[in-house]
């Protein structure tokens, strides 16, 4: 699909400087721009590339004034990065604009299907499922019995939503995600093994929750595992049973959150963080990558390390950690001198 500079400027409420009829059909980085591509400049360190890029159109900030001749047509907007992001979203909507029910699929007679739906081939829609308007279920997805999925949500290929789970509006469940598998619940038995504890709860994703590929969110033993509105999870994250994550919290890849821990609102949690069970993490908490959390965390704390320390304390301590062999050597030399003088 092709767009002219004039059309793009209309979408972004921007101003064209150059040829308003020039067309683009793909996106590119500014340093990799070719004819027919659209790019943007927001980071000043990339400014030299705008004079050599072959991209047909470049989105720039409204205050950009070129110091040399340009080959590219400019679209000036208030914020080039935000404008380009808006175009990416628009492009993605067009790319994912599928509709209809492909065959073969299985859709239970008791399922309730909204308007403008898309259900890809080889998908399974169980008993008493409710799919809202404009929901998209891509091929090979599994939607278990009694599941509800709200308007404008997407389940990509291979996504699985187990029985009784609830997905809100505008959610994105990427490929390989499993929502509602059994929590890790076992009790020692007399024979020296472990007896499985039935997991009869569910998972609730509120509105505008995004779940990255390969992430797993376990159903509660009883009650619900809950991700509040606006939560964003990266790829390959494990969320255990009865965990609750507050609204607008973001978590990076390979993090694990153990059972019954409560995480507050607006938290930022780095990759490969391990959080023990039955803890309370406050609001606005920042946890640096590869930290281990084994205690309750108050609002607004910034943590790093394993076990995690206050971020400032960790950085001060690290100066000594990396110099520890030298420090020990110096101490040994001092001890020898002291002993020699006695």
C-alpha atoms as a PDB file:
ATOM      1  CA  UNK A   1       0.000   0.000   0.000  1.00  0.00           C
ATOM      2  CA  UNK A   2       1.346   3.411  -0.994  1.00  0.00           C
ATOM      3  CA  UNK A   3       0.910   6.773   0.711  1.00  0.00           C
ATOM      4  CA  UNK A   4       1.863  10.251  -0.483  1.00  0.00           C
ATOM      5  CA  UNK A   5       3.611  12.852   1.657  1.00  0.00           C
ATOM      6  CA  UNK A   6       0.405  14.889   1.572  1.00  0.00           C
ATOM      7  CA  UNK A   7      -1.651  11.957   2.916  1.00  0.00           C
ATOM      8  CA  UNK A   8       0.836  11.265   5.696  1.00  0.00           C
ATOM      9  CA  UNK A   9       0.960  14.933   6.664  1.00  0.00           C
ATOM     10  CA  UNK A  10      -2.822  14.842   6.908  1.00  0.00           C
ATOM     11  CA  UNK A  11      -2.707  11.895   9.309  1.00  0.00           C
ATOM     12  CA  UNK A  12      -0.055  13.592  11.469  1.00  0.00           C
ATOM     13  CA  UNK A  13      -1.368  17.158  11.116  1.00  0.00           C
ATOM     14  CA  UNK A  14       2.053  18.118   9.779  1.00  0.00           C
ATOM     15  CA  UNK A  15       3.483  20.346   7.044  1.00  0.00           C
ATOM     16  CA  UNK A  16       5.146  19.088   3.843  1.00  0.00           C
ATOM     17  CA  UNK A  17       8.453  20.650   2.789  1.00  0.00           C
ATOM     18  CA  UNK A  18       9.251  19.271  -0.646  1.00  0.00           C
ATOM     19  CA  UNK A  19       7.202  17.149  -3.051  1.00  0.00           C
ATOM     20  CA  UNK A  20       3.688  16.551  -1.619  1.00  0.00           C
ATOM     21  CA  UNK A  21       3.003  13.829  -4.219  1.00  0.00           C
ATOM     22  CA  UNK A  22       6.022  11.645  -3.554  1.00  0.00           C
ATOM     23  CA  UNK A  23       4.978   8.135  -2.498  1.00  0.00           C
ATOM     24  CA  UNK A  24       6.271   5.649   0.070  1.00  0.00           C
ATOM     25  CA  UNK A  25       5.391   1.991   0.630  1.00  0.00           C
ATOM     26  CA  UNK A  26       7.763   0.898   3.417  1.00  0.00           C
ATOM     27  CA  UNK A  27       9.435   2.102   6.622  1.00  0.00           C
ATOM     28  CA  UNK A  28      13.146   2.333   7.376  1.00  0.00           C
ATOM     29  CA  UNK A  29      15.804   3.633   9.736  1.00  0.00           C
ATOM     30  CA  UNK A  30      17.213   6.953   8.568  1.00  0.00           C
ATOM     31  CA  UNK A  31      20.688   5.466   8.021  1.00  0.00           C
ATOM     32  CA  UNK A  32      19.185   2.643   5.927  1.00  0.00           C
ATOM     33  CA  UNK A  33      16.670   4.687   3.942  1.00  0.00           C
ATOM     34  CA  UNK A  34      16.025   3.833   0.298  1.00  0.00           C
ATOM     35  CA  UNK A  35      13.716   5.231  -2.352  1.00  0.00           C
ATOM     36  CA  UNK A  36      10.100   4.529  -1.476  1.00  0.00           C
ATOM     37  CA  UNK A  37      10.774   4.419   2.261  1.00  0.00           C
ATOM     38  CA  UNK A  38       9.567   6.630   5.109  1.00  0.00           C
ATOM     39  CA  UNK A  39      11.829   7.438   8.067  1.00  0.00           C
ATOM     40  CA  UNK A  40      12.152   9.972  10.894  1.00  0.00           C
ATOM     41  CA  UNK A  41      14.732  12.102  12.722  1.00  0.00           C
ATOM     42  CA  UNK A  42      14.301  12.858  16.414  1.00  0.00           C
ATOM     43  CA  UNK A  43      17.685  12.025  17.975  1.00  0.00           C
ATOM     44  CA  UNK A  44      20.169  14.809  17.107  1.00  0.00           C
ATOM     45  CA  UNK A  45      23.105  12.402  16.869  1.00  0.00           C
ATOM     46  CA  UNK A  46      21.508  10.996  13.711  1.00  0.00           C
ATOM     47  CA  UNK A  47      21.281  14.425  12.046  1.00  0.00           C
ATOM     48  CA  UNK A  48      24.204  13.772   9.605  1.00  0.00           C
ATOM     49  CA  UNK A  49      22.199  10.942   8.042  1.00  0.00           C
ATOM     50  CA  UNK A  50      19.419  13.242   6.888  1.00  0.00           C
ATOM     51  CA  UNK A  51      21.772  14.776   4.321  1.00  0.00           C
ATOM     52  CA  UNK A  52      22.677  11.420   2.766  1.00  0.00           C
ATOM     53  CA  UNK A  53      19.563   9.293   3.324  1.00  0.00           C
ATOM     54  CA  UNK A  54      17.791   8.036   0.223  1.00  0.00           C
ATOM     55  CA  UNK A  55      14.461   7.778   2.053  1.00  0.00           C
ATOM     56  CA  UNK A  56      11.740   9.475   0.067  1.00  0.00           C
ATOM     57  CA  UNK A  57      10.110  11.087   3.115  1.00  0.00           C
ATOM     58  CA  UNK A  58      11.532  11.998   6.523  1.00  0.00           C
ATOM     59  CA  UNK A  59       9.470  13.114   9.511  1.00  0.00           C
ATOM     60  CA  UNK A  60      11.246  15.838  11.507  1.00  0.00           C
ATOM     61  CA  UNK A  61      10.521  18.160  14.413  1.00  0.00           C
ATOM     62  CA  UNK A  62       8.884  21.429  13.481  1.00  0.00           C
ATOM     63  CA  UNK A  63      11.978  23.436  14.474  1.00  0.00           C
ATOM     64  CA  UNK A  64      14.369  21.471  12.212  1.00  0.00           C
ATOM     65  CA  UNK A  65      16.260  23.750   9.789  1.00  0.00           C
ATOM     66  CA  UNK A  66      18.564  21.967   7.309  1.00  0.00           C
ATOM     67  CA  UNK A  67      22.114  23.264   6.935  1.00  0.00           C
ATOM     68  CA  UNK A  68      22.697  21.526   3.571  1.00  0.00           C
ATOM     69  CA  UNK A  69      20.569  20.526   0.568  1.00  0.00           C
ATOM     70  CA  UNK A  70      18.306  17.489   1.089  1.00  0.00           C
ATOM     71  CA  UNK A  71      17.220  14.692  -1.227  1.00  0.00           C
ATOM     72  CA  UNK A  72      14.326  13.723   1.032  1.00  0.00           C
ATOM     73  CA  UNK A  73      10.919  15.378   1.374  1.00  0.00           C
ATOM     74  CA  UNK A  74      10.254  16.551   4.927  1.00  0.00           C
ATOM     75  CA  UNK A  75       7.092  16.364   6.998  1.00  0.00           C
ATOM     76  CA  UNK A  76       7.369  18.731   9.956  1.00  0.00           C
ATOM     77  CA  UNK A  77       5.437  17.852  13.105  1.00  0.00           C
ATOM     78  CA  UNK A  78       5.521  18.829  16.780  1.00  0.00           C
ATOM     79  CA  UNK A  79       7.288  15.607  17.822  1.00  0.00           C
ATOM     80  CA  UNK A  80       8.922  13.438  15.151  1.00  0.00           C
ATOM     81  CA  UNK A  81       9.241  10.340  17.355  1.00  0.00           C
ATOM     82  CA  UNK A  82       5.624  10.524  18.460  1.00  0.00           C
ATOM     83  CA  UNK A  83       4.518  11.113  14.869  1.00  0.00           C
ATOM     84  CA  UNK A  84       6.440   8.108  13.571  1.00  0.00           C
ATOM     85  CA  UNK A  85       5.033   5.973  16.395  1.00  0.00           C
ATOM     86  CA  UNK A  86       1.532   7.043  15.380  1.00  0.00           C
ATOM     87  CA  UNK A  87       2.251   5.941  11.824  1.00  0.00           C
ATOM     88  CA  UNK A  88       3.580   2.583  13.036  1.00  0.00           C
ATOM     89  CA  UNK A  89       0.346   2.041  14.913  1.00  0.00           C
ATOM     90  CA  UNK A  90      -1.675   3.049  11.842  1.00  0.00           C
ATOM     91  CA  UNK A  91       0.417   0.706   9.654  1.00  0.00           C
ATOM     92  CA  UNK A  92      -0.031  -2.140  12.122  1.00  0.00           C
ATOM     93  CA  UNK A  93      -3.793  -1.663  12.152  1.00  0.00           C
ATOM     94  CA  UNK A  94      -3.887  -1.942   8.375  1.00  0.00           C
ATOM     95  CA  UNK A  95      -1.624  -5.007   8.375  1.00  0.00           C
ATOM     96  CA  UNK A  96      -3.748  -6.772  10.987  1.00  0.00           C
ATOM     97  CA  UNK A  97      -7.070  -5.726   9.465  1.00  0.00           C
ATOM     98  CA  UNK A  98      -8.401  -9.234   8.935  1.00  0.00           C
ATOM     99  CA  UNK A  99     -12.019 -10.268   9.210  1.00  0.00           C
ATOM    100  CA  UNK A 100     -14.207 -13.315   8.786  1.00  0.00           C
ATOM    101  CA  UNK A 101     -14.000 -16.917   9.929  1.00  0.00           C
ATOM    102  CA  UNK A 102     -11.530 -19.142   8.152  1.00  0.00           C
ATOM    103  CA  UNK A 103     -11.914 -22.888   7.759  1.00  0.00           C
ATOM    104  CA  UNK A 104     -11.314 -25.292   9.298  1.00  0.00           C
ATOM    105  CA  UNK A 105     -12.105 -23.992  12.784  1.00  0.00           C
ATOM    106  CA  UNK A 106     -14.153 -25.282  15.711  1.00  0.00           C
ATOM    107  CA  UNK A 107     -16.623 -22.838  17.247  1.00  0.00           C
ATOM    108  CA  UNK A 108     -19.008 -24.169  19.888  1.00  0.00           C
ATOM    109  CA  UNK A 109     -22.697 -23.599  19.219  1.00  0.00           C
ATOM    110  CA  UNK A 110     -22.947 -21.922  22.627  1.00  0.00           C
ATOM    111  CA  UNK A 111     -20.230 -19.349  21.869  1.00  0.00           C
ATOM    112  CA  UNK A 112     -21.285 -15.712  21.461  1.00  0.00           C
ATOM    113  CA  UNK A 113     -19.417 -13.927  18.695  1.00  0.00           C
ATOM    114  CA  UNK A 114     -19.360 -10.137  18.219  1.00  0.00           C
ATOM    115  CA  UNK A 115     -19.315  -8.054  15.042  1.00  0.00           C
ATOM    116  CA  UNK A 116     -16.317  -7.627  12.706  1.00  0.00           C
ATOM    117  CA  UNK A 117     -14.686 -10.719  14.151  1.00  0.00           C
ATOM    118  CA  UNK A 118     -11.696 -12.603  12.780  1.00  0.00           C
ATOM    119  CA  UNK A 119     -11.066 -16.257  13.646  1.00  0.00           C
ATOM    120  CA  UNK A 120      -8.107 -17.868  11.864  1.00  0.00           C
ATOM    121  CA  UNK A 121      -7.884 -21.420  10.590  1.00  0.00           C
ATOM    122  CA  UNK A 122      -7.423 -24.314  13.032  1.00  0.00           C
ATOM    123  CA  UNK A 123      -8.537 -22.236  16.020  1.00  0.00           C
ATOM    124  CA  UNK A 124     -10.702 -23.703  18.795  1.00  0.00           C
ATOM    125  CA  UNK A 125     -13.467 -21.683  20.468  1.00  0.00           C
ATOM    126  CA  UNK A 126     -14.980 -23.563  23.413  1.00  0.00           C
ATOM    127  CA  UNK A 127     -18.377 -23.706  25.099  1.00  0.00           C
ATOM    128  CA  UNK A 128     -19.952 -20.485  26.392  1.00  0.00           C
ATOM    129  CA  UNK A 129     -17.108 -18.324  25.096  1.00  0.00           C
ATOM    130  CA  UNK A 130     -17.912 -14.635  24.566  1.00  0.00           C
ATOM    131  CA  UNK A 131     -15.895 -12.702  21.989  1.00  0.00           C
ATOM    132  CA  UNK A 132     -16.523  -8.951  21.760  1.00  0.00           C
ATOM    133  CA  UNK A 133     -16.607  -6.769  18.660  1.00  0.00           C
ATOM    134  CA  UNK A 134     -13.509  -6.564  16.461  1.00  0.00           C
ATOM    135  CA  UNK A 135     -11.742  -9.383  18.334  1.00  0.00           C
ATOM    136  CA  UNK A 136      -9.063 -11.132  16.284  1.00  0.00           C
ATOM    137  CA  UNK A 137      -8.152 -14.760  16.957  1.00  0.00           C
ATOM    138  CA  UNK A 138      -5.250 -15.797  14.722  1.00  0.00           C
ATOM    139  CA  UNK A 139      -4.686 -19.354  13.432  1.00  0.00           C
ATOM    140  CA  UNK A 140      -3.996 -22.224  15.838  1.00  0.00           C
ATOM    141  CA  UNK A 141      -5.235 -20.323  18.894  1.00  0.00           C
ATOM    142  CA  UNK A 142      -7.111 -22.038  21.718  1.00  0.00           C
ATOM    143  CA  UNK A 143      -9.912 -20.340  23.654  1.00  0.00           C
ATOM    144  CA  UNK A 144     -11.240 -22.563  26.435  1.00  0.00           C
ATOM    145  CA  UNK A 145     -14.734 -22.916  27.842  1.00  0.00           C
ATOM    146  CA  UNK A 146     -16.378 -19.937  29.549  1.00  0.00           C
ATOM    147  CA  UNK A 147     -13.703 -17.479  28.455  1.00  0.00           C
ATOM    148  CA  UNK A 148     -14.637 -13.843  27.852  1.00  0.00           C
ATOM    149  CA  UNK A 149     -12.553 -11.611  25.551  1.00  0.00           C
ATOM    150  CA  UNK A 150     -13.432  -7.929  25.288  1.00  0.00           C
ATOM    151  CA  UNK A 151     -13.733  -5.659  22.262  1.00  0.00           C
ATOM    152  CA  UNK A 152     -10.654  -5.004  20.079  1.00  0.00           C
ATOM    153  CA  UNK A 153      -8.464  -7.629  21.733  1.00  0.00           C
ATOM    154  CA  UNK A 154      -6.065  -9.844  19.771  1.00  0.00           C
ATOM    155  CA  UNK A 155      -4.868 -13.406  20.366  1.00  0.00           C
ATOM    156  CA  UNK A 156      -1.998 -14.188  17.992  1.00  0.00           C
ATOM    157  CA  UNK A 157      -1.165 -17.587  16.514  1.00  0.00           C
ATOM    158  CA  UNK A 158      -0.639 -20.296  19.090  1.00  0.00           C
ATOM    159  CA  UNK A 159      -1.943 -18.229  21.994  1.00  0.00           C
ATOM    160  CA  UNK A 160      -3.931 -20.179  24.573  1.00  0.00           C
ATOM    161  CA  UNK A 161      -6.525 -18.872  27.015  1.00  0.00           C
ATOM    162  CA  UNK A 162      -7.676 -21.655  29.349  1.00  0.00           C
ATOM    163  CA  UNK A 163     -11.178 -22.070  30.711  1.00  0.00           C
ATOM    164  CA  UNK A 164     -12.941 -19.427  32.829  1.00  0.00           C
ATOM    165  CA  UNK A 165     -10.357 -16.696  32.212  1.00  0.00           C
ATOM    166  CA  UNK A 166     -11.366 -13.116  31.447  1.00  0.00           C
ATOM    167  CA  UNK A 167      -9.584 -10.834  28.986  1.00  0.00           C
ATOM    168  CA  UNK A 168     -10.555  -7.165  28.848  1.00  0.00           C
ATOM    169  CA  UNK A 169     -10.781  -4.662  26.003  1.00  0.00           C
ATOM    170  CA  UNK A 170      -7.838  -3.763  23.791  1.00  0.00           C
ATOM    171  CA  UNK A 171      -5.568  -6.535  25.078  1.00  0.00           C
ATOM    172  CA  UNK A 172      -2.791  -8.175  23.047  1.00  0.00           C
ATOM    173  CA  UNK A 173      -1.844 -11.814  23.678  1.00  0.00           C
ATOM    174  CA  UNK A 174       1.157 -12.763  21.571  1.00  0.00           C
ATOM    175  CA  UNK A 175       2.187 -16.123  20.132  1.00  0.00           C
ATOM    176  CA  UNK A 176       2.977 -18.881  22.578  1.00  0.00           C
ATOM    177  CA  UNK A 177       1.346 -17.147  25.540  1.00  0.00           C
ATOM    178  CA  UNK A 178      -0.528 -19.402  27.968  1.00  0.00           C
ATOM    179  CA  UNK A 179      -3.151 -17.746  30.135  1.00  0.00           C
ATOM    180  CA  UNK A 180      -4.626 -19.854  32.921  1.00  0.00           C
ATOM    181  CA  UNK A 181      -2.465 -22.977  33.131  1.00  0.00           C
ATOM    182  CA  UNK A 182      -2.427 -24.624  36.566  1.00  0.00           C
ATOM    183  CA  UNK A 183      -0.500 -22.854  39.295  1.00  0.00           C
ATOM    184  CA  UNK A 184       2.436 -24.683  40.896  1.00  0.00           C
ATOM    185  CA  UNK A 185       0.568 -26.146  43.833  1.00  0.00           C
ATOM    186  CA  UNK A 186       1.703 -29.398  45.518  1.00  0.00           C
ATOM    187  CA  UNK A 187       1.666 -30.758  49.070  1.00  0.00           C
ATOM    188  CA  UNK A 188       3.987 -33.468  50.517  1.00  0.00           C
ATOM    189  CA  UNK A 189       2.215 -36.786  51.050  1.00  0.00           C
ATOM    190  CA  UNK A 190       2.866 -39.764  53.342  1.00  0.00           C
ATOM    191  CA  UNK A 191       4.577 -41.722  50.597  1.00  0.00           C
ATOM    192  CA  UNK A 192       7.324 -39.101  50.322  1.00  0.00           C
ATOM    193  CA  UNK A 193       6.020 -37.648  47.082  1.00  0.00           C
ATOM    194  CA  UNK A 194       3.804 -34.719  46.296  1.00  0.00           C
ATOM    195  CA  UNK A 195       0.032 -34.524  45.857  1.00  0.00           C
ATOM    196  CA  UNK A 196      -1.299 -31.974  43.387  1.00  0.00           C
ATOM    197  CA  UNK A 197      -3.513 -29.237  44.827  1.00  0.00           C
ATOM    198  CA  UNK A 198      -6.357 -28.500  42.381  1.00  0.00           C
ATOM    199  CA  UNK A 199      -6.177 -25.007  40.900  1.00  0.00           C
ATOM    200  CA  UNK A 200      -9.808 -23.908  40.496  1.00  0.00           C
ATOM    201  CA  UNK A 201      -9.411 -20.129  40.105  1.00  0.00           C
ATOM    202  CA  UNK A 202      -8.838 -18.123  36.945  1.00  0.00           C
ATOM    203  CA  UNK A 203      -6.832 -15.288  35.402  1.00  0.00           C
ATOM    204  CA  UNK A 204      -8.233 -11.802  34.830  1.00  0.00           C
ATOM    205  CA  UNK A 205      -6.581  -9.384  32.414  1.00  0.00           C
ATOM    206  CA  UNK A 206      -8.160  -5.957  32.678  1.00  0.00           C
ATOM    207  CA  UNK A 207      -8.243  -3.525  29.731  1.00  0.00           C
ATOM    208  CA  UNK A 208      -5.237  -2.687  27.524  1.00  0.00           C
ATOM    209  CA  UNK A 209      -2.939  -5.382  28.902  1.00  0.00           C
ATOM    210  CA  UNK A 210      -0.174  -6.596  26.554  1.00  0.00           C
ATOM    211  CA  UNK A 211       1.439 -10.014  27.027  1.00  0.00           C
ATOM    212  CA  UNK A 212       4.698 -10.821  25.207  1.00  0.00           C
ATOM    213  CA  UNK A 213       5.445 -14.037  23.340  1.00  0.00           C
ATOM    214  CA  UNK A 214       6.074 -17.154  25.404  1.00  0.00           C
ATOM    215  CA  UNK A 215       4.889 -15.626  28.678  1.00  0.00           C
ATOM    216  CA  UNK A 216       2.826 -17.768  31.068  1.00  0.00           C
ATOM    217  CA  UNK A 217       0.291 -16.567  33.619  1.00  0.00           C
ATOM    218  CA  UNK A 218      -1.011 -19.232  35.996  1.00  0.00           C
ATOM    219  CA  UNK A 219      -4.579 -19.510  37.236  1.00  0.00           C
ATOM    220  CA  UNK A 220      -5.223 -18.949  40.926  1.00  0.00           C
ATOM    221  CA  UNK A 221      -5.628 -21.813  43.362  1.00  0.00           C
ATOM    222  CA  UNK A 222      -8.850 -20.058  44.348  1.00  0.00           C
ATOM    223  CA  UNK A 223      -9.956 -16.592  43.332  1.00  0.00           C
ATOM    224  CA  UNK A 224      -8.028 -14.859  40.549  1.00  0.00           C
ATOM    225  CA  UNK A 225      -4.576 -14.016  39.287  1.00  0.00           C
ATOM    226  CA  UNK A 226      -5.092 -10.388  38.237  1.00  0.00           C
ATOM    227  CA  UNK A 227      -3.267  -8.018  35.894  1.00  0.00           C
ATOM    228  CA  UNK A 228      -4.753  -4.549  36.204  1.00  0.00           C
ATOM    229  CA  UNK A 229      -5.385  -2.112  33.332  1.00  0.00           C
ATOM    230  CA  UNK A 230      -2.406  -1.039  31.267  1.00  0.00           C
ATOM    231  CA  UNK A 231       0.043  -3.718  32.468  1.00  0.00           C
ATOM    232  CA  UNK A 232       2.703  -4.566  29.869  1.00  0.00           C
ATOM    233  CA  UNK A 233       4.655  -7.832  30.059  1.00  0.00           C
ATOM    234  CA  UNK A 234       7.648  -8.647  27.864  1.00  0.00           C
ATOM    235  CA  UNK A 235       8.439 -12.072  26.368  1.00  0.00           C
ATOM    236  CA  UNK A 236       9.166 -15.184  28.450  1.00  0.00           C
ATOM    237  CA  UNK A 237       7.890 -14.050  31.831  1.00  0.00           C
ATOM    238  CA  UNK A 238       6.394 -16.333  34.490  1.00  0.00           C
ATOM    239  CA  UNK A 239       3.551 -14.996  36.637  1.00  0.00           C
ATOM    240  CA  UNK A 240       2.522 -17.520  39.296  1.00  0.00           C
ATOM    241  CA  UNK A 241      -0.858 -18.255  40.857  1.00  0.00           C
ATOM    242  CA  UNK A 242      -2.724 -15.572  42.813  1.00  0.00           C
ATOM    243  CA  UNK A 243      -0.270 -12.831  41.840  1.00  0.00           C
ATOM    244  CA  UNK A 244      -1.732  -9.350  41.409  1.00  0.00           C
ATOM    245  CA  UNK A 245      -0.021  -6.674  39.302  1.00  0.00           C
ATOM    246  CA  UNK A 246      -1.153  -3.060  39.616  1.00  0.00           C
ATOM    247  CA  UNK A 247      -2.143  -0.843  36.699  1.00  0.00           C
ATOM    248  CA  UNK A 248       0.466   0.486  34.255  1.00  0.00           C
ATOM    249  CA  UNK A 249       3.276  -1.661  35.643  1.00  0.00           C
ATOM    250  CA  UNK A 250       5.810  -2.868  33.061  1.00  0.00           C
ATOM    251  CA  UNK A 251       8.007  -5.981  33.395  1.00  0.00           C
ATOM    252  CA  UNK A 252      10.916  -6.972  31.135  1.00  0.00           C
ATOM    253  CA  UNK A 253      11.819 -10.422  29.817  1.00  0.00           C
ATOM    254  CA  UNK A 254      12.683 -13.535  31.846  1.00  0.00           C
ATOM    255  CA  UNK A 255      11.352 -12.169  35.113  1.00  0.00           C
ATOM    256  CA  UNK A 256       9.609 -14.580  37.484  1.00  0.00           C
ATOM    257  CA  UNK A 257       7.044 -13.617  40.101  1.00  0.00           C
ATOM    258  CA  UNK A 258       6.232 -16.309  42.676  1.00  0.00           C
ATOM    259  CA  UNK A 259       2.763 -17.066  44.035  1.00  0.00           C
ATOM    260  CA  UNK A 260       0.528 -14.621  45.911  1.00  0.00           C
ATOM    261  CA  UNK A 261       2.867 -11.631  45.556  1.00  0.00           C
ATOM    262  CA  UNK A 262       1.175  -8.262  45.067  1.00  0.00           C
ATOM    263  CA  UNK A 263       2.911  -5.690  42.853  1.00  0.00           C
ATOM    264  CA  UNK A 264       1.737  -2.076  42.925  1.00  0.00           C
ATOM    265  CA  UNK A 265       0.942   0.485  40.251  1.00  0.00           C
ATOM    266  CA  UNK A 266       3.375   2.172  37.843  1.00  0.00           C
ATOM    267  CA  UNK A 267       6.293  -0.121  38.710  1.00  0.00           C
ATOM    268  CA  UNK A 268       9.200  -0.748  36.327  1.00  0.00           C
ATOM    269  CA  UNK A 269      10.841  -4.160  36.661  1.00  0.00           C
ATOM    270  CA  UNK A 270      13.924  -5.093  34.622  1.00  0.00           C
ATOM    271  CA  UNK A 271      14.812  -8.363  32.928  1.00  0.00           C
ATOM    272  CA  UNK A 272      15.691 -11.559  34.806  1.00  0.00           C
ATOM    273  CA  UNK A 273      14.371 -10.254  38.112  1.00  0.00           C
ATOM    274  CA  UNK A 274      13.280 -12.915  40.604  1.00  0.00           C
ATOM    275  CA  UNK A 275      10.527 -12.006  43.077  1.00  0.00           C
ATOM    276  CA  UNK A 276       9.737 -14.405  45.923  1.00  0.00           C
ATOM    277  CA  UNK A 277       6.201 -15.357  46.932  1.00  0.00           C
ATOM    278  CA  UNK A 278       3.762 -13.735  49.344  1.00  0.00           C
ATOM    279  CA  UNK A 279       5.459 -10.328  49.143  1.00  0.00           C
ATOM    280  CA  UNK A 280       4.062  -6.828  48.795  1.00  0.00           C
ATOM    281  CA  UNK A 281       5.753  -4.511  46.260  1.00  0.00           C
ATOM    282  CA  UNK A 282       4.647  -0.871  46.557  1.00  0.00           C
ATOM    283  CA  UNK A 283       3.706   1.668  43.898  1.00  0.00           C
ATOM    284  CA  UNK A 284       6.242   3.410  41.635  1.00  0.00           C
ATOM    285  CA  UNK A 285       8.963   0.876  42.486  1.00  0.00           C
ATOM    286  CA  UNK A 286      11.924   0.434  40.110  1.00  0.00           C
ATOM    287  CA  UNK A 287      13.858  -2.851  40.170  1.00  0.00           C
ATOM    288  CA  UNK A 288      17.035  -3.128  38.104  1.00  0.00           C
ATOM    289  CA  UNK A 289      17.761  -6.183  35.922  1.00  0.00           C
ATOM    290  CA  UNK A 290      18.882  -9.465  37.550  1.00  0.00           C
ATOM    291  CA  UNK A 291      17.839  -8.355  41.021  1.00  0.00           C
ATOM    292  CA  UNK A 292      16.476 -10.802  43.579  1.00  0.00           C
ATOM    293  CA  UNK A 293      13.610  -9.585  45.750  1.00  0.00           C
ATOM    294  CA  UNK A 294      13.020 -11.489  48.990  1.00  0.00           C
ATOM    295  CA  UNK A 295      11.378  -8.827  51.147  1.00  0.00           C
ATOM    296  CA  UNK A 296       8.469  -6.416  51.031  1.00  0.00           C
ATOM    297  CA  UNK A 297       9.220  -3.210  49.127  1.00  0.00           C
ATOM    298  CA  UNK A 298       7.874   0.225  50.028  1.00  0.00           C
ATOM    299  CA  UNK A 299       6.503   2.793  47.595  1.00  0.00           C
ATOM    300  CA  UNK A 300       9.045   4.585  45.361  1.00  0.00           C
ATOM    301  CA  UNK A 301      12.041   2.358  46.240  1.00  0.00           C
ATOM    302  CA  UNK A 302      14.719   1.778  43.594  1.00  0.00           C
ATOM    303  CA  UNK A 303      16.496  -1.571  44.031  1.00  0.00           C
ATOM    304  CA  UNK A 304      19.390  -3.511  42.564  1.00  0.00           C
ATOM    305  CA  UNK A 305      21.343  -6.655  43.390  1.00  0.00           C
ATOM    306  CA  UNK A 306      20.633 -10.083  44.813  1.00  0.00           C
ATOM    307  CA  UNK A 307      19.439  -9.875  47.463  1.00  0.00           C
ATOM    308  CA  UNK A 308      18.429  -6.433  46.304  1.00  0.00           C
ATOM    309  CA  UNK A 309      19.764  -3.292  48.003  1.00  0.00           C
ATOM    310  CA  UNK A 310      18.783   0.313  47.579  1.00  0.00           C
ATOM    311  CA  UNK A 311      20.027   1.428  44.148  1.00  0.00           C
ATOM    312  CA  UNK A 312      22.390   4.080  45.557  1.00  0.00           C
ATOM    313  CA  UNK A 313      23.758   1.714  48.221  1.00  0.00           C
ATOM    314  CA  UNK A 314      24.349  -0.968  45.597  1.00  0.00           C
ATOM    315  CA  UNK A 315      26.353   1.363  43.351  1.00  0.00           C
ATOM    316  CA  UNK A 316      28.486   2.540  46.274  1.00  0.00           C
ATOM    317  CA  UNK A 317      29.061  -1.055  47.383  1.00  0.00           C
ATOM    318  CA  UNK A 318      29.946  -2.168  43.867  1.00  0.00           C
ATOM    319  CA  UNK A 319      33.011   0.083  43.918  1.00  0.00           C
ATOM    320  CA  UNK A 320      34.291  -2.117  46.740  1.00  0.00           C
ATOM    321  CA  UNK A 321      33.071  -5.409  45.274  1.00  0.00           C
ATOM    322  CA  UNK A 322      35.155  -5.070  42.121  1.00  0.00           C
ATOM    323  CA  UNK A 323      38.243  -3.973  44.098  1.00  0.00           C
ATOM    324  CA  UNK A 324      37.891  -6.653  46.779  1.00  0.00           C
ATOM    325  CA  UNK A 325      41.049  -8.665  45.856  1.00  0.00           C
ATOM    326  CA  UNK A 326      43.140  -5.482  45.955  1.00  0.00           C
ATOM    327  CA  UNK A 327      41.573  -4.419  49.262  1.00  0.00           C
ATOM    328  CA  UNK A 328      42.271  -7.847  50.831  1.00  0.00           C
ATOM    329  CA  UNK A 329      45.869  -7.738  49.577  1.00  0.00           C
ATOM    330  CA  UNK A 330      46.357  -4.300  51.132  1.00  0.00           C
ATOM    331  CA  UNK A 331      44.881  -5.475  54.437  1.00  0.00           C
ATOM    332  CA  UNK A 332      47.209  -8.505  54.471  1.00  0.00           C
ATOM    333  CA  UNK A 333      50.231  -6.277  53.843  1.00  0.00           C
ATOM    334  CA  UNK A 334      49.209  -3.943  56.674  1.00  0.00           C
ATOM    335  CA  UNK A 335      48.761  -6.923  59.020  1.00  0.00           C
ATOM    336  CA  UNK A 336      52.256  -8.191  58.140  1.00  0.00           C
ATOM    337  CA  UNK A 337      53.756  -4.790  58.877  1.00  0.00           C
ATOM    338  CA  UNK A 338      51.896  -4.562  62.190  1.00  0.00           C
ATOM    339  CA  UNK A 339      53.029  -8.076  63.148  1.00  0.00           C
ATOM    340  CA  UNK A 340      56.626  -7.229  62.162  1.00  0.00           C
ATOM    341  CA  UNK A 341      56.665  -4.217  64.442  1.00  0.00           C
ATOM    342  CA  UNK A 342      55.508  -6.225  67.482  1.00  0.00           C
END
